[in-house]
């Protein structure tokens, strides 16, 4: 659960995070069009809190499961699945 201070509606849509906020809003409203989303930036700029808030808001709006992973986890799973498909197709 996200702390109320880190809820999606409490993030300020102002520069320099205005674009990030708009992308996050779009991902919630049109998840199949804007998925996955990637956030990149310096440490301690609240990317993790924003991702948790996006997931919580998505789940409230769509009543569906959502999750967030680190880039490292995403790449690992992507490469693992690619390797499985290659084995199935006979490409080694």
C-alpha atoms as a PDB file:
ATOM      1  CA  UNK A   1       0.000   0.000   0.000  1.00  0.00           C
ATOM      2  CA  UNK A   2       1.241   3.465  -0.884  1.00  0.00           C
ATOM      3  CA  UNK A   3       1.423   6.108   1.823  1.00  0.00           C
ATOM      4  CA  UNK A   4      -1.190   8.798   1.281  1.00  0.00           C
ATOM      5  CA  UNK A   5       1.554  11.379   0.754  1.00  0.00           C
ATOM      6  CA  UNK A   6       2.852   9.232  -2.113  1.00  0.00           C
ATOM      7  CA  UNK A   7      -0.549   8.663  -3.734  1.00  0.00           C
ATOM      8  CA  UNK A   8      -0.733   9.334  -7.460  1.00  0.00           C
ATOM      9  CA  UNK A   9      -2.953  12.415  -7.113  1.00  0.00           C
ATOM     10  CA  UNK A  10      -0.424  14.035  -4.772  1.00  0.00           C
ATOM     11  CA  UNK A  11       2.384  14.183  -7.339  1.00  0.00           C
ATOM     12  CA  UNK A  12       2.785  17.655  -8.743  1.00  0.00           C
ATOM     13  CA  UNK A  13       2.428  17.982 -12.503  1.00  0.00           C
ATOM     14  CA  UNK A  14       5.048  20.669 -12.899  1.00  0.00           C
ATOM     15  CA  UNK A  15       8.458  20.884 -14.514  1.00  0.00           C
ATOM     16  CA  UNK A  16      10.722  18.940 -14.569  1.00  0.00           C
ATOM     17  CA  UNK A  17       8.382  16.029 -13.843  1.00  0.00           C
ATOM     18  CA  UNK A  18       5.419  17.271 -15.863  1.00  0.00           C
ATOM     19  CA  UNK A  19       6.178  14.969 -18.790  1.00  0.00           C
ATOM     20  CA  UNK A  20       6.659  12.026 -16.434  1.00  0.00           C
ATOM     21  CA  UNK A  21       3.341  12.767 -14.769  1.00  0.00           C
ATOM     22  CA  UNK A  22       1.564  12.996 -18.148  1.00  0.00           C
ATOM     23  CA  UNK A  23       3.068   9.675 -19.286  1.00  0.00           C
ATOM     24  CA  UNK A  24       2.036   8.057 -16.016  1.00  0.00           C
ATOM     25  CA  UNK A  25      -1.503   9.415 -16.373  1.00  0.00           C
ATOM     26  CA  UNK A  26      -1.672   8.091 -19.927  1.00  0.00           C
ATOM     27  CA  UNK A  27      -0.437   4.676 -18.805  1.00  0.00           C
ATOM     28  CA  UNK A  28      -3.256   4.524 -16.262  1.00  0.00           C
ATOM     29  CA  UNK A  29      -5.954   5.731 -18.655  1.00  0.00           C
ATOM     30  CA  UNK A  30      -4.809   3.783 -21.739  1.00  0.00           C
ATOM     31  CA  UNK A  31      -2.664   0.913 -20.417  1.00  0.00           C
ATOM     32  CA  UNK A  32      -2.489  -1.083 -23.645  1.00  0.00           C
ATOM     33  CA  UNK A  33      -1.265   1.947 -25.561  1.00  0.00           C
ATOM     34  CA  UNK A  34       1.365   3.050 -23.036  1.00  0.00           C
ATOM     35  CA  UNK A  35       2.790  -0.142 -21.596  1.00  0.00           C
ATOM     36  CA  UNK A  36       5.395  -0.750 -20.412  1.00  0.00           C
ATOM     37  CA  UNK A  37       6.633   2.607 -19.228  1.00  0.00           C
ATOM     38  CA  UNK A  38      10.195   3.247 -18.183  1.00  0.00           C
ATOM     39  CA  UNK A  39      11.343   5.910 -15.748  1.00  0.00           C
ATOM     40  CA  UNK A  40      14.970   6.952 -15.758  1.00  0.00           C
ATOM     41  CA  UNK A  41      16.610   9.531 -13.578  1.00  0.00           C
ATOM     42  CA  UNK A  42      18.958  10.316 -10.762  1.00  0.00           C
ATOM     43  CA  UNK A  43      18.711   8.579  -7.423  1.00  0.00           C
ATOM     44  CA  UNK A  44      16.323  10.013  -4.834  1.00  0.00           C
ATOM     45  CA  UNK A  45      13.912  11.718  -7.254  1.00  0.00           C
ATOM     46  CA  UNK A  46      10.946   9.560  -6.164  1.00  0.00           C
ATOM     47  CA  UNK A  47      10.749   7.261  -9.217  1.00  0.00           C
ATOM     48  CA  UNK A  48       9.967   4.291  -6.991  1.00  0.00           C
ATOM     49  CA  UNK A  49       7.203   6.136  -5.173  1.00  0.00           C
ATOM     50  CA  UNK A  50       5.711   7.257  -8.460  1.00  0.00           C
ATOM     51  CA  UNK A  51       5.760   3.699  -9.832  1.00  0.00           C
ATOM     52  CA  UNK A  52       4.063   2.356  -6.703  1.00  0.00           C
ATOM     53  CA  UNK A  53       1.463   5.117  -6.933  1.00  0.00           C
ATOM     54  CA  UNK A  54       0.834   4.333 -10.630  1.00  0.00           C
ATOM     55  CA  UNK A  55       0.285   0.653  -9.816  1.00  0.00           C
ATOM     56  CA  UNK A  56      -2.104   1.458  -6.964  1.00  0.00           C
ATOM     57  CA  UNK A  57      -4.089   3.954  -9.067  1.00  0.00           C
ATOM     58  CA  UNK A  58      -4.229   1.498 -12.020  1.00  0.00           C
ATOM     59  CA  UNK A  59      -5.579  -1.240  -9.765  1.00  0.00           C
ATOM     60  CA  UNK A  60      -8.257   1.073  -8.372  1.00  0.00           C
ATOM     61  CA  UNK A  61      -9.336   2.304 -11.821  1.00  0.00           C
ATOM     62  CA  UNK A  62      -9.235  -0.978 -13.734  1.00  0.00           C
ATOM     63  CA  UNK A  63      -9.775  -3.540 -10.939  1.00  0.00           C
ATOM     64  CA  UNK A  64      -6.910  -5.582 -12.425  1.00  0.00           C
ATOM     65  CA  UNK A  65      -3.552  -6.724 -11.177  1.00  0.00           C
ATOM     66  CA  UNK A  66      -0.560  -4.579 -12.083  1.00  0.00           C
ATOM     67  CA  UNK A  67       3.057  -4.781 -11.060  1.00  0.00           C
ATOM     68  CA  UNK A  68       6.282  -2.904 -11.409  1.00  0.00           C
ATOM     69  CA  UNK A  69       9.768  -4.300 -11.796  1.00  0.00           C
ATOM     70  CA  UNK A  70      13.238  -2.899 -11.986  1.00  0.00           C
ATOM     71  CA  UNK A  71      14.923  -2.585 -15.377  1.00  0.00           C
ATOM     72  CA  UNK A  72      17.231  -5.436 -14.390  1.00  0.00           C
ATOM     73  CA  UNK A  73      14.272  -7.711 -13.626  1.00  0.00           C
ATOM     74  CA  UNK A  74      12.507  -6.711 -16.854  1.00  0.00           C
ATOM     75  CA  UNK A  75      15.557  -7.435 -19.032  1.00  0.00           C
ATOM     76  CA  UNK A  76      16.179 -10.762 -17.280  1.00  0.00           C
ATOM     77  CA  UNK A  77      12.622 -11.946 -17.903  1.00  0.00           C
ATOM     78  CA  UNK A  78      12.658 -10.631 -21.475  1.00  0.00           C
ATOM     79  CA  UNK A  79      15.885 -12.481 -22.279  1.00  0.00           C
ATOM     80  CA  UNK A  80      14.679 -15.620 -20.506  1.00  0.00           C
ATOM     81  CA  UNK A  81      11.448 -15.674 -22.538  1.00  0.00           C
ATOM     82  CA  UNK A  82      13.388 -14.961 -25.730  1.00  0.00           C
ATOM     83  CA  UNK A  83      15.659 -17.905 -24.957  1.00  0.00           C
ATOM     84  CA  UNK A  84      12.641 -20.172 -24.453  1.00  0.00           C
ATOM     85  CA  UNK A  85      11.135 -19.122 -27.788  1.00  0.00           C
ATOM     86  CA  UNK A  86      14.460 -19.715 -29.528  1.00  0.00           C
ATOM     87  CA  UNK A  87      14.656 -23.235 -28.052  1.00  0.00           C
ATOM     88  CA  UNK A  88      11.109 -23.968 -29.175  1.00  0.00           C
ATOM     89  CA  UNK A  89      11.865 -22.708 -32.699  1.00  0.00           C
ATOM     90  CA  UNK A  90      15.169 -24.605 -32.792  1.00  0.00           C
ATOM     91  CA  UNK A  91      17.353 -21.478 -32.816  1.00  0.00           C
ATOM     92  CA  UNK A  92      20.238 -21.906 -30.417  1.00  0.00           C
END
